[in-house]
Amino acid sequence: PLIGRLMLELPEEMGLIAVAARQTQGKGRGGNVWLSPLGCALCTLHISIPLHSNLGQRIPFIQHLVSLAVVEAVRSLPGYQDIELRVKWPNDIYYSDLMKLGGVLVNSTLLETTFHILIGIGFNVNNSNPTICINDLIAKFNREEGTELKPLSVDCLIARTVTVLERLIEIFQEKGPNGVLPQYYKYWVHSGKQVRLRGEDGPLAWVVGVDDCGFLQVHQQGQGVESVHPDGNSFDMLRNLIVPK
């Protein structure tokens, strides 16, 4: 609430970020509660996006850019390129395609011709419970590859994520989706995966990419390529997908 009020009072060119050590009343998609212990990177970031810009016309892409920025914050470090940190559409950060260790929530408010965006970011850096953390992945990589990569800190990764996000936004504003999608596909978990459409017993379709507005594209045999979105009820957001009418 506080950062939401402050964002409207600051000069448009001034950035704003709030960082928390732990979180007891966080919010996820669809009203889900998000609880985060010590050892997680937690922040809310405010950015302003002009309505009449590449990203302003494709606001759903912001969550994809933020997820990519978290992964890039780690995997763009020399030596850390092969740490199995990945993005899962629409807004999750994963260990390979096995386990979630973070997520992104984006809220936007349009005032005149400017989107005011509040980006909530949470990912597990240094806490082995209840799932897995980034430093666990680094330690695992060191054991398997005989390397001596150092663990990463929460502060370092928040700073790197914000820096990478700023660069991704600049690229998107200049070149549109095609400027960032090759890198997004490099790190996403969906290549060659199948999903069900319209329900548990619905037809199978192959994931093929992301469309110009940020929706998932799937190919159903004999039906061509369609854009889909989550059904909003599943724990796994890709378990059932709905074709927009």
Protein backbone atom coordinates (compact mmCIF):
# COMPACT_ATOMS: atom_id res chain seq x y z
CA PRO A 1 0.00 0.00 0.00
CA LEU A 2 2.78 2.43 0.94
CA ILE A 3 4.77 2.01 -2.26
CA GLY A 4 1.53 2.28 -4.23
CA ARG A 5 0.90 5.72 -2.75
CA LEU A 6 4.48 6.89 -3.10
CA MET A 7 4.67 5.97 -6.79
CA LEU A 8 2.07 8.62 -7.61
CA GLU A 9 3.90 11.35 -5.72
CA LEU A 10 7.41 10.92 -7.12
CA PRO A 11 8.70 12.49 -10.35
CA GLU A 12 8.04 10.16 -13.29
CA GLU A 13 11.73 9.70 -14.05
CA MET A 14 12.52 8.58 -10.48
CA GLY A 15 12.58 4.86 -9.71
CA LEU A 16 11.31 3.29 -6.52
CA ILE A 17 12.03 -0.09 -4.92
CA ALA A 18 11.08 -1.63 -1.57
CA VAL A 19 13.10 -4.60 -0.29
CA ALA A 20 11.91 -6.96 2.47
CA ALA A 21 13.90 -9.49 4.50
CA ARG A 22 10.86 -11.74 4.93
CA GLN A 23 7.21 -11.73 3.93
CA THR A 24 4.14 -12.84 5.90
CA GLN A 25 1.27 -11.34 3.89
CA GLY A 26 2.50 -11.49 0.31
CA LYS A 27 0.10 -11.97 -2.57
CA GLY A 28 0.33 -14.31 -5.54
CA ARG A 29 -1.78 -14.83 -8.65
CA GLY A 30 -5.53 -15.10 -8.17
CA GLY A 31 -5.44 -13.99 -4.54
CA ASN A 32 -3.06 -16.75 -3.44
CA VAL A 33 -1.02 -16.06 -0.30
CA TRP A 34 2.76 -15.89 -0.68
CA LEU A 35 4.84 -16.53 2.47
CA SER A 36 8.60 -16.05 2.32
CA PRO A 37 11.17 -16.74 5.07
CA LEU A 38 14.61 -15.24 5.53
CA GLY A 39 16.97 -16.12 2.68
CA CYS A 40 14.60 -15.09 -0.10
CA ALA A 41 15.05 -12.12 -2.43
CA LEU A 42 11.90 -10.04 -1.97
CA CYS A 43 11.20 -6.68 -3.50
CA THR A 44 8.53 -4.50 -5.05
CA LEU A 45 9.67 -2.32 -7.92
CA HIS A 46 7.87 0.65 -9.48
CA ILE A 47 8.42 1.52 -13.14
CA SER A 48 6.62 3.84 -15.55
CA ILE A 49 5.83 2.73 -19.10
CA PRO A 50 4.37 5.08 -21.75
CA LEU A 51 1.09 3.76 -23.13
CA HIS A 52 2.13 4.51 -26.70
CA SER A 53 5.30 2.41 -26.64
CA ASN A 54 6.12 -1.16 -27.64
CA LEU A 55 5.81 -2.38 -24.05
CA GLY A 56 2.89 -0.10 -23.23
CA GLN A 57 0.90 -1.84 -25.97
CA ARG A 58 1.93 -5.28 -24.64
CA ILE A 59 1.80 -4.93 -20.85
CA PRO A 60 1.46 -8.73 -20.20
CA PHE A 61 5.05 -9.07 -21.43
CA ILE A 62 6.36 -7.34 -18.31
CA GLN A 63 6.00 -10.46 -16.16
CA HIS A 64 7.98 -12.42 -18.77
CA LEU A 65 10.74 -9.80 -18.82
CA VAL A 66 10.99 -9.83 -15.02
CA SER A 67 11.16 -13.64 -14.83
CA LEU A 68 13.85 -13.59 -17.52
CA ALA A 69 15.75 -10.87 -15.63
CA VAL A 70 15.92 -13.06 -12.49
CA VAL A 71 17.33 -15.98 -14.48
CA GLU A 72 19.74 -13.72 -16.39
CA ALA A 73 20.91 -12.17 -13.11
CA VAL A 74 22.44 -15.56 -12.26
CA ARG A 75 23.21 -17.10 -15.64
CA SER A 76 24.92 -14.04 -17.12
CA LEU A 77 27.61 -14.25 -14.42
CA PRO A 78 30.91 -15.76 -15.70
CA GLY A 79 30.96 -19.42 -14.67
CA TYR A 80 27.27 -19.56 -13.76
CA GLN A 81 25.94 -19.97 -17.32
CA ASP A 82 24.95 -23.61 -16.80
CA ILE A 83 23.15 -23.27 -13.47
CA GLU A 84 19.75 -24.85 -14.23
CA LEU A 85 17.62 -21.83 -13.45
CA ARG A 86 14.76 -21.34 -15.93
CA VAL A 87 11.55 -19.44 -16.63
CA LYS A 88 8.10 -20.98 -16.70
CA TRP A 89 5.32 -19.07 -18.47
CA PRO A 90 3.66 -16.90 -17.38
CA ASN A 91 5.45 -15.77 -14.22
CA ASP A 92 7.53 -18.44 -12.46
CA ILE A 93 11.23 -19.10 -11.89
CA TYR A 94 12.11 -22.80 -11.84
CA TYR A 95 14.90 -25.27 -11.16
CA SER A 96 14.98 -27.02 -14.55
CA ASP A 97 11.35 -28.07 -15.10
CA LEU A 98 11.20 -29.75 -11.71
CA MET A 99 10.63 -27.26 -8.94
CA LYS A 100 9.47 -23.69 -8.44
CA LEU A 101 11.77 -21.37 -6.50
CA GLY A 102 10.28 -17.97 -7.28
CA GLY A 103 7.61 -15.94 -8.96
CA VAL A 104 6.55 -12.54 -10.21
CA LEU A 105 3.33 -10.57 -9.74
CA VAL A 106 2.61 -7.43 -11.80
CA ASN A 107 -0.06 -4.80 -11.09
CA SER A 108 -0.60 -1.92 -13.50
CA THR A 109 -2.47 1.39 -13.23
CA LEU A 110 -3.04 3.59 -16.28
CA LEU A 111 -2.99 7.32 -15.53
CA GLU A 112 -3.52 9.49 -18.61
CA THR A 113 -0.91 8.08 -21.03
CA THR A 114 1.41 6.36 -18.56
CA PHE A 115 1.25 2.89 -17.04
CA HIS A 116 2.45 2.83 -13.43
CA ILE A 117 3.64 -0.71 -12.83
CA LEU A 118 4.24 -2.34 -9.46
CA ILE A 119 6.33 -5.49 -9.83
CA GLY A 120 6.47 -7.94 -6.94
CA ILE A 121 9.45 -10.31 -7.14
CA GLY A 122 10.22 -13.21 -4.81
CA PHE A 123 12.78 -15.97 -5.30
CA ASN A 124 14.61 -18.32 -2.99
CA VAL A 125 18.33 -17.56 -2.81
CA ASN A 126 19.60 -19.14 0.39
CA ASN A 127 16.92 -21.21 2.10
CA SER A 128 16.84 -24.97 1.47
CA ASN A 129 13.27 -25.29 2.73
CA PRO A 130 10.59 -25.99 1.78
CA THR A 131 11.82 -26.66 -1.78
CA ILE A 132 15.20 -25.62 -3.14
CA CYS A 133 17.20 -22.42 -3.52
CA ILE A 134 19.64 -20.88 -5.97
CA ASN A 135 22.64 -21.54 -3.75
CA ASP A 136 21.61 -25.22 -3.53
CA LEU A 137 21.76 -25.33 -7.32
CA ILE A 138 25.22 -23.74 -7.27
CA ALA A 139 26.45 -26.23 -4.64
CA LYS A 140 25.01 -29.12 -6.69
CA PHE A 141 26.76 -27.83 -9.81
CA ASN A 142 30.06 -27.55 -7.92
CA ARG A 143 29.80 -31.18 -6.73
CA GLU A 144 28.95 -32.50 -10.17
CA GLU A 145 31.36 -30.40 -12.22
CA GLY A 146 34.26 -29.97 -9.78
CA THR A 147 33.94 -26.19 -9.85
CA GLU A 148 34.23 -23.73 -6.97
CA LEU A 149 31.52 -21.20 -7.74
CA LYS A 150 30.70 -19.00 -4.78
CA PRO A 151 27.20 -18.72 -3.33
CA LEU A 152 25.31 -15.58 -4.26
CA SER A 153 23.75 -13.05 -1.91
CA VAL A 154 20.20 -11.72 -1.85
CA ASP A 155 21.37 -8.11 -2.22
CA CYS A 156 23.56 -8.93 -5.20
CA LEU A 157 20.79 -10.76 -7.04
CA ILE A 158 18.15 -8.08 -6.43
CA ALA A 159 20.55 -5.44 -7.78
CA ARG A 160 21.49 -7.57 -10.79
CA THR A 161 17.84 -8.40 -11.52
CA VAL A 162 16.85 -4.72 -11.59
CA THR A 163 19.84 -3.85 -13.80
CA VAL A 164 19.09 -6.67 -16.25
CA LEU A 165 15.37 -5.77 -16.30
CA GLU A 166 16.20 -2.18 -17.21
CA ARG A 167 18.26 -3.42 -20.17
CA LEU A 168 15.53 -5.86 -21.30
CA ILE A 169 12.92 -3.09 -21.21
CA GLU A 170 15.17 -0.85 -23.32
CA ILE A 171 15.61 -3.64 -25.88
CA PHE A 172 11.86 -4.36 -25.92
CA GLN A 173 11.01 -0.68 -26.41
CA GLU A 174 13.40 -0.48 -29.32
CA LYS A 175 12.78 -3.82 -31.05
CA GLY A 176 9.53 -5.22 -29.65
CA PRO A 177 8.99 -8.86 -28.64
CA ASN A 178 11.48 -10.25 -31.16
CA GLY A 179 14.25 -8.37 -29.38
CA VAL A 180 13.90 -10.49 -26.23
CA LEU A 181 12.13 -13.72 -27.22
CA PRO A 182 15.26 -15.58 -28.42
CA GLN A 183 16.78 -15.16 -24.96
CA TYR A 184 13.48 -16.03 -23.28
CA TYR A 185 13.19 -19.26 -25.26
CA LYS A 186 16.78 -20.13 -24.39
CA TYR A 187 15.82 -20.30 -20.74
CA TRP A 188 12.20 -21.43 -20.72
CA VAL A 189 11.03 -24.92 -19.70
CA HIS A 190 8.38 -25.49 -22.38
CA SER A 191 10.22 -26.51 -25.54
CA GLY A 192 8.63 -29.67 -26.90
CA LYS A 193 6.11 -29.91 -24.03
CA GLN A 194 2.44 -30.82 -24.30
CA VAL A 195 -0.54 -29.27 -22.49
CA ARG A 196 -4.27 -29.99 -22.36
CA LEU A 197 -6.81 -27.49 -23.63
CA ARG A 198 -10.16 -26.63 -22.03
CA GLY A 199 -9.97 -29.18 -19.19
CA GLU A 200 -8.45 -32.33 -17.71
CA ASP A 201 -9.79 -34.46 -20.57
CA GLY A 202 -9.33 -31.87 -23.27
CA PRO A 203 -7.25 -32.30 -26.42
CA LEU A 204 -3.47 -32.32 -26.26
CA ALA A 205 -1.52 -29.50 -27.89
CA TRP A 206 2.18 -28.74 -28.34
CA VAL A 207 3.67 -25.55 -26.90
CA VAL A 208 5.29 -23.60 -29.73
CA GLY A 209 6.02 -20.12 -28.37
CA VAL A 210 4.68 -16.79 -27.12
CA ASP A 211 2.55 -14.53 -29.29
CA ASP A 212 2.93 -10.79 -29.88
CA CYS A 213 0.88 -9.97 -26.77
CA GLY A 214 2.60 -12.41 -24.40
CA PHE A 215 0.03 -15.22 -24.50
CA LEU A 216 1.19 -18.81 -24.94
CA GLN A 217 0.91 -20.29 -28.42
CA VAL A 218 0.08 -23.97 -28.87
CA HIS A 219 -0.37 -26.21 -31.90
CA GLN A 220 -3.20 -28.72 -31.92
CA GLN A 221 -3.02 -31.28 -34.69
CA GLY A 222 -5.37 -30.29 -37.48
CA GLN A 223 -6.24 -26.99 -35.79
CA GLY A 224 -3.21 -24.80 -36.44
CA VAL A 225 -1.64 -22.46 -33.87
CA GLU A 226 -3.82 -20.86 -31.16
CA SER A 227 -3.11 -18.47 -28.29
CA VAL A 228 -4.14 -19.65 -24.82
CA HIS A 229 -4.16 -18.52 -21.19
CA PRO A 230 -4.32 -20.39 -17.83
CA ASP A 231 -7.71 -21.54 -16.58
CA GLY A 232 -7.08 -19.71 -13.32
CA ASN A 233 -7.91 -22.69 -11.09
CA SER A 234 -5.04 -25.12 -11.42
CA PHE A 235 -2.08 -25.28 -9.07
CA ASP A 236 0.00 -25.92 -12.18
CA MET A 237 -0.82 -22.99 -14.44
CA LEU A 238 -0.01 -25.08 -17.53
CA ARG A 239 -2.08 -28.07 -16.54
CA ASN A 240 -5.22 -26.77 -18.25
CA LEU A 241 -5.21 -23.93 -20.76
CA ILE A 242 -8.15 -22.04 -22.20
CA VAL A 243 -8.46 -20.78 -25.76
CA PRO A 244 -9.74 -17.17 -25.63
CA LYS A 245 -12.96 -16.57 -27.61
